[in-house]
């Protein structure tokens, strides 16, 4: 997933969250656009951070997978062969 897609998705979620909160309070949804922009910025930043976390986790998983495969190969080479 591209960074822009993640950031825009989370920013949209922030906008919807703000609109929902104002709707619950029965206030005008377009009353204070600065509040919308602030919450969209915060949610967009969180999306950017989570995108980086996802990439780091995928890299760690790949490294662990390679380490496990090497250990399996090493253990298979050291295991005694009992044919008879």
C-alpha atoms as a PDB file:
ATOM      1  CA  UNK A   1       0.000   0.000   0.000  1.00  0.00           C
ATOM      2  CA  UNK A   2       1.394   3.379  -0.918  1.00  0.00           C
ATOM      3  CA  UNK A   3       2.193   5.951   1.725  1.00  0.00           C
ATOM      4  CA  UNK A   4      -0.160   8.527   0.213  1.00  0.00           C
ATOM      5  CA  UNK A   5      -3.057   6.069   0.263  1.00  0.00           C
ATOM      6  CA  UNK A   6      -2.454   5.246   3.919  1.00  0.00           C
ATOM      7  CA  UNK A   7      -2.115   8.877   4.970  1.00  0.00           C
ATOM      8  CA  UNK A   8      -5.180   9.998   3.019  1.00  0.00           C
ATOM      9  CA  UNK A   9      -7.198   7.073   4.332  1.00  0.00           C
ATOM     10  CA  UNK A  10      -6.393   7.910   7.924  1.00  0.00           C
ATOM     11  CA  UNK A  11      -6.993  11.627   7.293  1.00  0.00           C
ATOM     12  CA  UNK A  12     -10.418  10.749   5.882  1.00  0.00           C
ATOM     13  CA  UNK A  13     -11.090   8.694   8.985  1.00  0.00           C
ATOM     14  CA  UNK A  14     -10.180  11.730  11.084  1.00  0.00           C
ATOM     15  CA  UNK A  15     -12.621  13.884   9.102  1.00  0.00           C
ATOM     16  CA  UNK A  16     -15.405  11.347   9.547  1.00  0.00           C
ATOM     17  CA  UNK A  17     -14.634  11.038  13.257  1.00  0.00           C
ATOM     18  CA  UNK A  18     -14.920  14.810  13.684  1.00  0.00           C
ATOM     19  CA  UNK A  19     -18.196  14.907  11.721  1.00  0.00           C
ATOM     20  CA  UNK A  20     -19.587  12.028  13.790  1.00  0.00           C
ATOM     21  CA  UNK A  21     -18.626  13.727  17.057  1.00  0.00           C
ATOM     22  CA  UNK A  22     -20.298  16.977  15.978  1.00  0.00           C
ATOM     23  CA  UNK A  23     -23.356  15.019  14.843  1.00  0.00           C
ATOM     24  CA  UNK A  24     -23.682  13.370  18.248  1.00  0.00           C
ATOM     25  CA  UNK A  25     -23.528  16.827  19.842  1.00  0.00           C
ATOM     26  CA  UNK A  26     -26.179  18.030  17.348  1.00  0.00           C
ATOM     27  CA  UNK A  27     -23.911  20.864  16.214  1.00  0.00           C
ATOM     28  CA  UNK A  28     -23.366  22.128  12.685  1.00  0.00           C
ATOM     29  CA  UNK A  29     -20.942  19.726  10.971  1.00  0.00           C
ATOM     30  CA  UNK A  30     -19.223  22.538   9.051  1.00  0.00           C
ATOM     31  CA  UNK A  31     -19.109  24.869  12.051  1.00  0.00           C
ATOM     32  CA  UNK A  32     -15.360  24.960  12.680  1.00  0.00           C
ATOM     33  CA  UNK A  33     -13.256  23.818   9.734  1.00  0.00           C
ATOM     34  CA  UNK A  34     -10.040  24.337  11.711  1.00  0.00           C
ATOM     35  CA  UNK A  35     -11.027  21.488  13.991  1.00  0.00           C
ATOM     36  CA  UNK A  36     -11.552  19.252  10.968  1.00  0.00           C
ATOM     37  CA  UNK A  37      -8.135  20.182   9.579  1.00  0.00           C
ATOM     38  CA  UNK A  38      -6.429  19.601  12.919  1.00  0.00           C
ATOM     39  CA  UNK A  39      -7.964  16.152  13.407  1.00  0.00           C
ATOM     40  CA  UNK A  40      -7.213  15.190   9.792  1.00  0.00           C
ATOM     41  CA  UNK A  41      -3.571  16.187  10.338  1.00  0.00           C
ATOM     42  CA  UNK A  42      -3.329  14.142  13.533  1.00  0.00           C
ATOM     43  CA  UNK A  43      -4.919  11.073  11.951  1.00  0.00           C
ATOM     44  CA  UNK A  44      -2.792  11.482   8.811  1.00  0.00           C
ATOM     45  CA  UNK A  45       0.372  11.579  10.937  1.00  0.00           C
ATOM     46  CA  UNK A  46      -0.773   8.443  12.747  1.00  0.00           C
ATOM     47  CA  UNK A  47      -1.339   6.760   9.378  1.00  0.00           C
ATOM     48  CA  UNK A  48       2.153   7.728   8.232  1.00  0.00           C
ATOM     49  CA  UNK A  49       3.643   6.302  11.427  1.00  0.00           C
ATOM     50  CA  UNK A  50       1.656   3.068  11.139  1.00  0.00           C
ATOM     51  CA  UNK A  51       2.760   2.667   7.527  1.00  0.00           C
ATOM     52  CA  UNK A  52       6.380   2.753   8.713  1.00  0.00           C
ATOM     53  CA  UNK A  53       5.621   0.265  11.485  1.00  0.00           C
ATOM     54  CA  UNK A  54       4.096  -2.114   8.938  1.00  0.00           C
ATOM     55  CA  UNK A  55       7.231  -1.942   6.773  1.00  0.00           C
ATOM     56  CA  UNK A  56       9.545  -2.556   9.727  1.00  0.00           C
ATOM     57  CA  UNK A  57       7.463  -5.518  10.883  1.00  0.00           C
ATOM     58  CA  UNK A  58       7.519  -7.083   7.413  1.00  0.00           C
ATOM     59  CA  UNK A  59      11.307  -6.726   7.327  1.00  0.00           C
ATOM     60  CA  UNK A  60      11.684  -8.329  10.765  1.00  0.00           C
ATOM     61  CA  UNK A  61       9.410 -11.206   9.768  1.00  0.00           C
ATOM     62  CA  UNK A  62      11.498 -11.812   6.643  1.00  0.00           C
ATOM     63  CA  UNK A  63      14.724 -11.838   8.690  1.00  0.00           C
ATOM     64  CA  UNK A  64      13.251 -14.298  11.212  1.00  0.00           C
ATOM     65  CA  UNK A  65      12.026 -16.523   8.378  1.00  0.00           C
ATOM     66  CA  UNK A  66      15.529 -16.635   6.868  1.00  0.00           C
ATOM     67  CA  UNK A  67      17.037 -17.371  10.292  1.00  0.00           C
ATOM     68  CA  UNK A  68      14.592 -20.248  10.868  1.00  0.00           C
ATOM     69  CA  UNK A  69      15.359 -21.744   7.451  1.00  0.00           C
ATOM     70  CA  UNK A  70      19.119 -21.568   8.154  1.00  0.00           C
ATOM     71  CA  UNK A  71      18.609 -23.235  11.525  1.00  0.00           C
ATOM     72  CA  UNK A  72      16.543 -26.001   9.927  1.00  0.00           C
ATOM     73  CA  UNK A  73      19.244 -26.607   7.326  1.00  0.00           C
ATOM     74  CA  UNK A  74      21.929 -26.664  10.009  1.00  0.00           C
ATOM     75  CA  UNK A  75      19.937 -29.068  12.192  1.00  0.00           C
ATOM     76  CA  UNK A  76      19.205 -31.351   9.225  1.00  0.00           C
ATOM     77  CA  UNK A  77      22.920 -31.493   8.394  1.00  0.00           C
ATOM     78  CA  UNK A  78      23.912 -32.319  11.985  1.00  0.00           C
ATOM     79  CA  UNK A  79      21.198 -34.896  12.662  1.00  0.00           C
ATOM     80  CA  UNK A  80      22.519 -38.489  12.680  1.00  0.00           C
ATOM     81  CA  UNK A  81      21.195 -40.772   9.956  1.00  0.00           C
ATOM     82  CA  UNK A  82      19.832 -44.052  11.428  1.00  0.00           C
ATOM     83  CA  UNK A  83      19.244 -46.263   8.401  1.00  0.00           C
ATOM     84  CA  UNK A  84      19.734 -49.619  10.170  1.00  0.00           C
END
